[in-house]
N, C-alpha and C. Protein backbone atom coordinates (compact mmCIF):
# COMPACT_ATOMS: atom_id res chain seq x y z
N MET A 1 126.86 -169.23 141.36
CA MET A 1 126.94 -170.08 140.18
C MET A 1 126.81 -169.21 138.94
N GLU A 2 127.68 -169.44 138.00
CA GLU A 2 127.66 -168.69 136.75
C GLU A 2 127.17 -169.59 135.63
N ILE A 3 126.24 -169.10 134.84
CA ILE A 3 125.73 -169.85 133.69
C ILE A 3 126.33 -169.25 132.44
N ILE A 4 126.97 -170.10 131.65
CA ILE A 4 127.59 -169.65 130.41
C ILE A 4 126.90 -170.35 129.25
N ARG A 5 126.45 -169.59 128.29
CA ARG A 5 125.84 -170.17 127.09
C ARG A 5 126.71 -169.85 125.91
N LYS A 6 127.13 -170.88 125.21
CA LYS A 6 128.00 -170.71 124.05
C LYS A 6 127.19 -170.24 122.85
N GLU A 7 127.85 -169.50 121.97
CA GLU A 7 127.23 -169.13 120.71
C GLU A 7 127.03 -170.38 119.86
N SER A 8 125.90 -170.48 119.24
CA SER A 8 125.66 -171.64 118.38
C SER A 8 124.88 -171.21 117.15
N THR A 9 125.23 -171.81 116.06
CA THR A 9 124.59 -171.50 114.80
C THR A 9 124.28 -172.79 114.05
N VAL A 10 123.13 -172.81 113.41
CA VAL A 10 122.78 -173.93 112.55
C VAL A 10 122.69 -173.37 111.13
N PHE A 11 123.42 -174.02 110.23
CA PHE A 11 123.35 -173.65 108.83
C PHE A 11 122.40 -174.60 108.13
N GLN A 12 121.61 -174.10 107.22
CA GLN A 12 120.64 -174.93 106.51
C GLN A 12 120.96 -174.96 105.02
N PHE A 13 120.90 -176.18 104.45
CA PHE A 13 121.10 -176.37 103.03
C PHE A 13 119.87 -177.10 102.49
N GLU A 14 119.54 -176.85 101.27
CA GLU A 14 118.35 -177.45 100.68
C GLU A 14 118.61 -178.83 100.08
N THR A 15 119.79 -179.05 99.54
CA THR A 15 120.07 -180.33 98.91
C THR A 15 121.47 -180.80 99.27
N ARG A 16 121.71 -182.10 99.11
CA ARG A 16 123.04 -182.66 99.36
C ARG A 16 124.08 -182.10 98.40
N GLU A 17 123.64 -181.77 97.18
CA GLU A 17 124.56 -181.26 96.17
C GLU A 17 125.21 -179.94 96.59
N GLU A 18 124.58 -179.21 97.49
CA GLU A 18 125.15 -177.95 97.98
C GLU A 18 126.28 -178.18 98.98
N LEU A 19 126.42 -179.40 99.46
CA LEU A 19 127.41 -179.72 100.47
C LEU A 19 128.75 -180.10 99.86
N SER A 20 129.78 -180.10 100.68
CA SER A 20 131.09 -180.57 100.23
C SER A 20 131.01 -182.06 99.94
N VAL A 21 131.95 -182.56 99.17
CA VAL A 21 132.00 -183.99 98.86
C VAL A 21 132.14 -184.80 100.14
N SER A 22 132.92 -184.32 101.07
CA SER A 22 133.13 -184.99 102.36
C SER A 22 131.82 -185.09 103.15
N ASP A 23 131.05 -184.00 103.20
CA ASP A 23 129.76 -184.01 103.90
C ASP A 23 128.77 -184.94 103.19
N GLN A 24 128.76 -184.91 101.87
CA GLN A 24 127.87 -185.80 101.12
C GLN A 24 128.18 -187.26 101.44
N ALA A 25 129.46 -187.60 101.51
CA ALA A 25 129.86 -188.98 101.79
C ALA A 25 129.44 -189.40 103.20
N LEU A 26 129.57 -188.51 104.17
CA LEU A 26 129.18 -188.84 105.54
C LEU A 26 127.67 -189.04 105.64
N LEU A 27 126.89 -188.16 104.99
CA LEU A 27 125.43 -188.33 104.97
C LEU A 27 125.04 -189.62 104.25
N GLN A 28 125.74 -189.95 103.18
CA GLN A 28 125.45 -191.18 102.45
C GLN A 28 125.70 -192.40 103.33
N ALA A 29 126.77 -192.38 104.10
CA ALA A 29 127.06 -193.50 105.02
C ALA A 29 125.96 -193.64 106.06
N ALA A 30 125.47 -192.51 106.58
CA ALA A 30 124.37 -192.55 107.55
C ALA A 30 123.09 -193.08 106.91
N THR A 31 122.83 -192.68 105.69
CA THR A 31 121.63 -193.13 104.97
C THR A 31 121.69 -194.64 104.71
N GLU A 32 122.85 -195.12 104.30
CA GLU A 32 123.00 -196.55 104.03
C GLU A 32 122.82 -197.39 105.29
N VAL A 33 123.44 -196.97 106.39
CA VAL A 33 123.31 -197.76 107.62
C VAL A 33 121.91 -197.65 108.22
N MET A 34 121.20 -196.57 107.93
CA MET A 34 119.83 -196.41 108.40
C MET A 34 118.97 -197.60 107.97
N GLU A 35 119.24 -198.13 106.79
CA GLU A 35 118.45 -199.25 106.28
C GLU A 35 118.67 -200.54 107.07
N SER A 36 119.71 -200.59 107.91
CA SER A 36 119.94 -201.77 108.74
C SER A 36 119.27 -201.65 110.11
N ALA A 37 118.55 -200.56 110.33
CA ALA A 37 117.88 -200.36 111.62
C ALA A 37 116.90 -201.50 111.90
N TYR A 38 116.84 -201.89 113.15
CA TYR A 38 115.86 -202.88 113.60
C TYR A 38 114.79 -202.08 114.34
N ALA A 39 113.70 -201.77 113.65
CA ALA A 39 112.67 -200.90 114.20
C ALA A 39 111.27 -201.45 113.89
N PRO A 40 110.97 -202.69 114.32
CA PRO A 40 109.67 -203.27 113.98
C PRO A 40 108.50 -202.65 114.75
N TYR A 41 108.77 -201.93 115.81
CA TYR A 41 107.69 -201.36 116.63
C TYR A 41 107.38 -199.93 116.24
N SER A 42 108.39 -199.09 116.15
CA SER A 42 108.16 -197.69 115.78
C SER A 42 108.15 -197.49 114.27
N GLU A 43 108.80 -198.39 113.54
CA GLU A 43 108.99 -198.24 112.09
C GLU A 43 109.61 -196.89 111.75
N PHE A 44 110.49 -196.45 112.64
CA PHE A 44 111.20 -195.18 112.50
C PHE A 44 112.69 -195.53 112.43
N LEU A 45 113.28 -195.37 111.26
CA LEU A 45 114.65 -195.78 111.00
C LEU A 45 115.61 -194.60 111.16
N VAL A 46 116.70 -194.82 111.88
CA VAL A 46 117.70 -193.77 112.08
C VAL A 46 119.07 -194.35 111.80
N GLY A 47 119.90 -193.59 111.10
CA GLY A 47 121.28 -193.98 110.84
C GLY A 47 122.21 -192.88 111.29
N CYS A 48 123.37 -193.28 111.78
CA CYS A 48 124.37 -192.32 112.24
C CYS A 48 125.74 -192.75 111.72
N ALA A 49 126.47 -191.81 111.16
CA ALA A 49 127.84 -192.06 110.71
C ALA A 49 128.75 -191.04 111.38
N LEU A 50 129.83 -191.53 111.95
CA LEU A 50 130.82 -190.68 112.62
C LEU A 50 132.10 -190.66 111.81
N ARG A 51 132.70 -189.51 111.69
CA ARG A 51 134.05 -189.44 111.11
C ARG A 51 134.99 -189.18 112.27
N LEU A 52 135.95 -190.10 112.45
CA LEU A 52 136.92 -189.97 113.53
C LEU A 52 138.12 -189.14 113.06
N ALA A 53 138.91 -188.68 114.01
CA ALA A 53 140.07 -187.86 113.69
C ALA A 53 141.08 -188.59 112.81
N ASN A 54 141.07 -189.92 112.85
CA ASN A 54 141.99 -190.70 112.01
C ASN A 54 141.40 -191.00 110.62
N GLY A 55 140.22 -190.43 110.32
CA GLY A 55 139.59 -190.61 109.01
C GLY A 55 138.64 -191.78 108.92
N VAL A 56 138.63 -192.65 109.91
CA VAL A 56 137.74 -193.82 109.91
C VAL A 56 136.29 -193.36 110.05
N ILE A 57 135.38 -194.00 109.32
CA ILE A 57 133.95 -193.74 109.44
C ILE A 57 133.35 -194.91 110.22
N VAL A 58 132.65 -194.60 111.31
CA VAL A 58 131.97 -195.59 112.14
C VAL A 58 130.48 -195.36 111.97
N LYS A 59 129.71 -196.44 111.84
CA LYS A 59 128.27 -196.31 111.59
C LYS A 59 127.46 -197.06 112.64
N GLY A 60 126.23 -196.58 112.86
CA GLY A 60 125.29 -197.25 113.75
C GLY A 60 123.87 -196.96 113.33
N SER A 61 122.97 -197.90 113.62
CA SER A 61 121.54 -197.70 113.35
C SER A 61 120.76 -198.03 114.62
N ASN A 62 119.54 -197.49 114.72
CA ASN A 62 118.76 -197.76 115.92
C ASN A 62 118.36 -199.23 115.99
N GLN A 63 118.34 -199.74 117.20
CA GLN A 63 118.03 -201.15 117.46
C GLN A 63 116.98 -201.20 118.56
N GLU A 64 115.75 -201.51 118.18
CA GLU A 64 114.65 -201.55 119.15
C GLU A 64 114.58 -202.91 119.83
N ASN A 65 113.80 -202.95 120.89
CA ASN A 65 113.55 -204.19 121.62
C ASN A 65 112.15 -204.12 122.18
N MET A 66 111.47 -205.25 122.17
CA MET A 66 110.11 -205.31 122.67
C MET A 66 110.04 -204.85 124.12
N ALA A 67 111.07 -205.11 124.88
CA ALA A 67 111.12 -204.71 126.29
C ALA A 67 111.72 -203.30 126.37
N TYR A 68 110.86 -202.29 126.11
CA TYR A 68 111.33 -200.91 126.21
C TYR A 68 111.88 -200.68 127.60
N PRO A 69 112.90 -199.99 127.85
CA PRO A 69 113.75 -199.21 126.95
C PRO A 69 115.05 -199.93 126.60
N SER A 70 114.99 -201.20 126.38
CA SER A 70 116.20 -201.98 126.13
C SER A 70 116.87 -201.69 124.79
N GLY A 71 116.20 -201.05 123.89
CA GLY A 71 116.80 -200.72 122.60
C GLY A 71 117.83 -199.62 122.74
N LEU A 72 118.42 -199.25 121.61
CA LEU A 72 119.44 -198.22 121.63
C LEU A 72 119.35 -197.39 120.35
N CYS A 73 119.51 -196.09 120.52
CA CYS A 73 119.47 -195.16 119.39
C CYS A 73 120.70 -195.31 118.51
N ALA A 74 120.58 -194.91 117.26
CA ALA A 74 121.67 -195.00 116.29
C ALA A 74 122.90 -194.24 116.75
N GLU A 75 122.70 -193.07 117.33
CA GLU A 75 123.82 -192.25 117.74
C GLU A 75 124.67 -192.96 118.79
N ARG A 76 124.01 -193.55 119.79
CA ARG A 76 124.76 -194.22 120.85
C ARG A 76 125.36 -195.54 120.36
N VAL A 77 124.70 -196.23 119.43
CA VAL A 77 125.31 -197.43 118.85
C VAL A 77 126.65 -197.06 118.22
N ALA A 78 126.66 -196.00 117.41
CA ALA A 78 127.89 -195.58 116.73
C ALA A 78 128.93 -195.05 117.71
N ILE A 79 128.51 -194.21 118.65
CA ILE A 79 129.44 -193.61 119.60
C ILE A 79 130.08 -194.68 120.49
N PHE A 80 129.28 -195.61 120.98
CA PHE A 80 129.84 -196.63 121.86
C PHE A 80 130.75 -197.58 121.10
N TYR A 81 130.44 -197.84 119.83
CA TYR A 81 131.33 -198.65 119.00
C TYR A 81 132.68 -197.93 118.85
N ALA A 82 132.60 -196.63 118.55
CA ALA A 82 133.83 -195.86 118.39
C ALA A 82 134.63 -195.86 119.69
N GLY A 83 133.95 -195.69 120.82
CA GLY A 83 134.64 -195.67 122.10
C GLY A 83 135.29 -197.00 122.44
N ALA A 84 134.65 -198.10 122.05
CA ALA A 84 135.19 -199.43 122.34
C ALA A 84 136.34 -199.80 121.41
N ASN A 85 136.27 -199.37 120.17
CA ASN A 85 137.26 -199.77 119.17
C ASN A 85 138.33 -198.74 118.87
N TYR A 86 138.04 -197.47 119.17
CA TYR A 86 138.99 -196.38 118.94
C TYR A 86 138.99 -195.46 120.15
N PRO A 87 139.33 -195.97 121.33
CA PRO A 87 139.15 -195.20 122.57
C PRO A 87 139.96 -193.91 122.67
N LYS A 88 141.02 -193.78 121.92
CA LYS A 88 141.87 -192.59 122.01
C LYS A 88 141.74 -191.68 120.80
N VAL A 89 140.71 -191.92 119.98
CA VAL A 89 140.53 -191.14 118.76
C VAL A 89 139.24 -190.31 118.88
N ALA A 90 139.37 -189.02 118.67
CA ALA A 90 138.22 -188.11 118.77
C ALA A 90 137.25 -188.29 117.62
N ILE A 91 135.98 -188.03 117.89
CA ILE A 91 134.96 -187.93 116.86
C ILE A 91 134.96 -186.48 116.42
N VAL A 92 135.12 -186.24 115.13
CA VAL A 92 135.17 -184.86 114.65
C VAL A 92 133.87 -184.41 113.98
N GLU A 93 133.17 -185.37 113.35
CA GLU A 93 131.91 -185.04 112.67
C GLU A 93 130.95 -186.21 112.78
N MET A 94 129.67 -185.89 112.72
CA MET A 94 128.67 -186.95 112.67
C MET A 94 127.51 -186.53 111.78
N ALA A 95 126.92 -187.52 111.12
CA ALA A 95 125.73 -187.28 110.29
C ALA A 95 124.64 -188.20 110.80
N ILE A 96 123.44 -187.65 110.92
CA ILE A 96 122.28 -188.42 111.39
C ILE A 96 121.16 -188.26 110.37
N THR A 97 120.63 -189.39 109.92
CA THR A 97 119.52 -189.37 108.97
C THR A 97 118.39 -190.22 109.53
N ALA A 98 117.18 -189.92 109.08
CA ALA A 98 116.01 -190.66 109.58
C ALA A 98 114.96 -190.79 108.49
N ARG A 99 114.16 -191.85 108.63
CA ARG A 99 113.05 -192.09 107.70
C ARG A 99 111.98 -192.86 108.46
N ALA A 100 110.75 -192.41 108.35
CA ALA A 100 109.62 -193.12 108.93
C ALA A 100 108.95 -193.94 107.83
N LYS A 101 108.56 -195.16 108.17
CA LYS A 101 107.94 -196.02 107.16
C LYS A 101 106.49 -195.64 106.86
N ASN A 102 105.79 -195.02 107.80
CA ASN A 102 104.35 -194.80 107.65
C ASN A 102 103.93 -193.36 107.37
N TYR A 103 104.88 -192.45 107.31
CA TYR A 103 104.54 -191.05 107.05
C TYR A 103 105.78 -190.34 106.54
N PRO A 104 105.61 -189.27 105.82
CA PRO A 104 106.78 -188.54 105.31
C PRO A 104 107.48 -187.78 106.44
N LEU A 105 108.78 -187.75 106.39
CA LEU A 105 109.57 -187.03 107.38
C LEU A 105 110.31 -185.92 106.65
N HIS A 106 109.69 -184.75 106.63
CA HIS A 106 110.25 -183.61 105.91
C HIS A 106 111.12 -182.80 106.85
N GLY A 107 112.39 -182.96 106.73
CA GLY A 107 113.31 -182.20 107.56
C GLY A 107 114.02 -183.06 108.59
N PRO A 108 115.03 -182.49 109.21
CA PRO A 108 115.87 -183.22 110.16
C PRO A 108 115.14 -183.58 111.44
N ILE A 109 115.68 -184.58 112.11
CA ILE A 109 115.21 -184.93 113.44
C ILE A 109 116.34 -184.61 114.42
N MET A 110 115.98 -184.40 115.65
CA MET A 110 116.96 -184.10 116.69
C MET A 110 117.22 -185.34 117.51
N SER A 111 118.45 -185.51 117.92
CA SER A 111 118.80 -186.62 118.81
C SER A 111 118.05 -186.46 120.13
N CYS A 112 117.77 -187.58 120.77
CA CYS A 112 117.11 -187.54 122.08
C CYS A 112 118.08 -187.01 123.14
N GLY A 113 117.58 -186.70 124.30
CA GLY A 113 118.42 -186.17 125.37
C GLY A 113 119.54 -187.10 125.79
N ALA A 114 119.26 -188.41 125.87
CA ALA A 114 120.30 -189.37 126.26
C ALA A 114 121.43 -189.38 125.23
N CYS A 115 121.09 -189.30 123.95
CA CYS A 115 122.11 -189.27 122.91
C CYS A 115 122.90 -187.96 122.96
N LEU A 116 122.20 -186.85 123.12
CA LEU A 116 122.90 -185.57 123.20
C LEU A 116 123.88 -185.56 124.37
N GLN A 117 123.48 -186.13 125.50
CA GLN A 117 124.39 -186.17 126.65
C GLN A 117 125.59 -187.07 126.36
N SER A 118 125.37 -188.18 125.67
CA SER A 118 126.49 -189.07 125.30
C SER A 118 127.45 -188.36 124.35
N ILE A 119 126.90 -187.64 123.37
CA ILE A 119 127.73 -186.88 122.44
C ILE A 119 128.50 -185.80 123.21
N CYS A 120 127.80 -185.12 124.10
CA CYS A 120 128.40 -184.06 124.91
C CYS A 120 129.61 -184.58 125.69
N GLU A 121 129.49 -185.77 126.25
CA GLU A 121 130.61 -186.31 127.03
C GLU A 121 131.84 -186.57 126.17
N TYR A 122 131.62 -187.01 124.93
CA TYR A 122 132.76 -187.18 124.02
C TYR A 122 133.39 -185.84 123.68
N GLU A 123 132.56 -184.82 123.50
CA GLU A 123 133.11 -183.49 123.24
C GLU A 123 133.95 -183.01 124.43
N GLN A 124 133.45 -183.24 125.64
CA GLN A 124 134.19 -182.84 126.84
C GLN A 124 135.48 -183.66 126.96
N ARG A 125 135.39 -184.94 126.69
CA ARG A 125 136.54 -185.83 126.81
C ARG A 125 137.70 -185.40 125.90
N PHE A 126 137.36 -185.05 124.64
CA PHE A 126 138.39 -184.68 123.68
C PHE A 126 138.54 -183.16 123.52
N GLN A 127 137.76 -182.42 124.29
CA GLN A 127 137.82 -180.96 124.33
C GLN A 127 137.66 -180.31 122.97
N GLN A 128 136.67 -180.81 122.22
CA GLN A 128 136.35 -180.21 120.93
C GLN A 128 134.91 -180.56 120.55
N PRO A 129 134.22 -179.64 119.90
CA PRO A 129 132.85 -179.93 119.47
C PRO A 129 132.83 -180.95 118.33
N ILE A 130 131.73 -181.66 118.23
CA ILE A 130 131.52 -182.60 117.13
C ILE A 130 130.58 -181.93 116.13
N ARG A 131 131.09 -181.59 114.98
CA ARG A 131 130.28 -180.97 113.92
C ARG A 131 129.19 -181.97 113.53
N THR A 132 127.94 -181.48 113.44
CA THR A 132 126.81 -182.39 113.25
C THR A 132 125.98 -182.01 112.03
N LEU A 133 125.68 -183.03 111.19
CA LEU A 133 124.81 -182.87 110.03
C LEU A 133 123.54 -183.66 110.30
N LEU A 134 122.41 -183.07 110.03
CA LEU A 134 121.11 -183.71 110.27
C LEU A 134 120.26 -183.65 109.01
N GLN A 135 119.62 -184.78 108.67
CA GLN A 135 118.72 -184.79 107.52
C GLN A 135 117.61 -185.80 107.74
N GLY A 136 116.40 -185.41 107.38
CA GLY A 136 115.27 -186.33 107.36
C GLY A 136 115.24 -187.07 106.03
N HIS A 137 114.12 -187.71 105.75
CA HIS A 137 114.00 -188.44 104.48
C HIS A 137 114.15 -187.49 103.30
N ASP A 138 113.61 -186.30 103.45
CA ASP A 138 113.79 -185.25 102.46
C ASP A 138 113.74 -183.92 103.19
N GLY A 139 113.78 -182.85 102.46
CA GLY A 139 113.77 -181.54 103.09
C GLY A 139 115.17 -181.03 103.37
N PRO A 140 115.27 -179.97 104.16
CA PRO A 140 116.56 -179.33 104.37
C PRO A 140 117.53 -180.18 105.18
N ILE A 141 118.78 -179.82 105.07
CA ILE A 141 119.86 -180.42 105.84
C ILE A 141 120.38 -179.34 106.78
N TRP A 142 120.54 -179.70 108.04
CA TRP A 142 121.08 -178.76 109.02
C TRP A 142 122.51 -179.16 109.33
N ILE A 143 123.35 -178.15 109.51
CA ILE A 143 124.72 -178.38 109.96
C ILE A 143 124.98 -177.50 111.17
N ALA A 144 125.37 -178.15 112.26
CA ALA A 144 125.69 -177.43 113.50
C ALA A 144 127.20 -177.51 113.71
N GLU A 145 127.86 -176.40 113.53
CA GLU A 145 129.32 -176.36 113.67
C GLU A 145 129.75 -176.44 115.13
N ALA A 146 128.91 -175.95 116.04
CA ALA A 146 129.29 -175.86 117.45
C ALA A 146 129.00 -177.13 118.24
N GLY A 147 128.59 -178.20 117.59
CA GLY A 147 128.34 -179.45 118.28
C GLY A 147 127.10 -179.42 119.16
N THR A 148 127.12 -180.16 120.26
CA THR A 148 125.92 -180.32 121.08
C THR A 148 125.50 -179.04 121.78
N ALA A 149 126.40 -178.08 121.92
CA ALA A 149 126.01 -176.82 122.55
C ALA A 149 124.86 -176.17 121.79
N THR A 150 124.75 -176.48 120.51
CA THR A 150 123.67 -175.95 119.68
C THR A 150 122.32 -176.47 120.16
N PHE A 151 122.28 -177.74 120.52
CA PHE A 151 121.01 -178.41 120.83
C PHE A 151 120.79 -178.67 122.32
N LEU A 152 121.86 -178.64 123.09
CA LEU A 152 121.79 -178.92 124.52
C LEU A 152 122.62 -177.85 125.24
N PRO A 153 122.09 -176.63 125.34
CA PRO A 153 122.90 -175.53 125.86
C PRO A 153 123.28 -175.68 127.33
N PHE A 154 122.48 -176.38 128.11
CA PHE A 154 122.77 -176.56 129.53
C PHE A 154 123.15 -178.02 129.76
N GLN A 155 124.38 -178.33 129.44
CA GLN A 155 124.86 -179.70 129.49
C GLN A 155 125.20 -180.11 130.92
N PHE A 156 124.99 -181.41 131.20
CA PHE A 156 125.36 -181.97 132.49
C PHE A 156 126.86 -182.20 132.49
N ASN A 157 127.56 -181.48 133.35
CA ASN A 157 129.01 -181.62 133.43
C ASN A 157 129.42 -181.34 134.86
N VAL A 158 129.89 -182.36 135.55
CA VAL A 158 130.35 -182.23 136.93
C VAL A 158 131.79 -182.74 136.98
N PRO A 159 132.77 -181.88 136.79
CA PRO A 159 134.17 -182.32 136.76
C PRO A 159 134.58 -183.10 138.02
N GLU A 160 133.96 -182.79 139.15
CA GLU A 160 134.31 -183.47 140.39
C GLU A 160 134.03 -184.97 140.35
N LEU A 161 133.14 -185.43 139.47
CA LEU A 161 132.85 -186.85 139.38
C LEU A 161 134.07 -187.64 138.93
N LYS A 162 134.99 -186.99 138.26
CA LYS A 162 136.19 -187.66 137.76
C LYS A 162 137.28 -187.77 138.82
N LYS A 163 137.07 -187.16 139.97
CA LYS A 163 138.10 -187.16 141.03
C LYS A 163 137.93 -188.36 141.95
């Protein structure tokens, strides 16, 4: 068995103003949808905005449920919506923002393992990485050009499952 690890780099920016207009707009969409999160238990709000290859922006926010783990993270809400409504269109970029109601969140948060695996499968499906922007309530903004390989270097991928 051969293990291959892809090169990955995260770029850090201090403010949104340092970003391109396109990146600022994607982060703004994630920030706006974050406010629609249903998070009465954790009080931790997350928003995700995806830019599809056709230019459409798809958004999702986390949706909790009293019967854990019935809720769903913002990333998977957006990804599954895109898959259901635009099944043949690749996701090219995504922005994820978060805010906690009870404490300051200085800096980006990372997607959970289930979300990273879901993102990874879309990258495999369309054979291209999804450029990812991450931002907390304040603090630096991270941009990962290499997609999920940056955060999940040993991805679950069994091509034989498709046979």
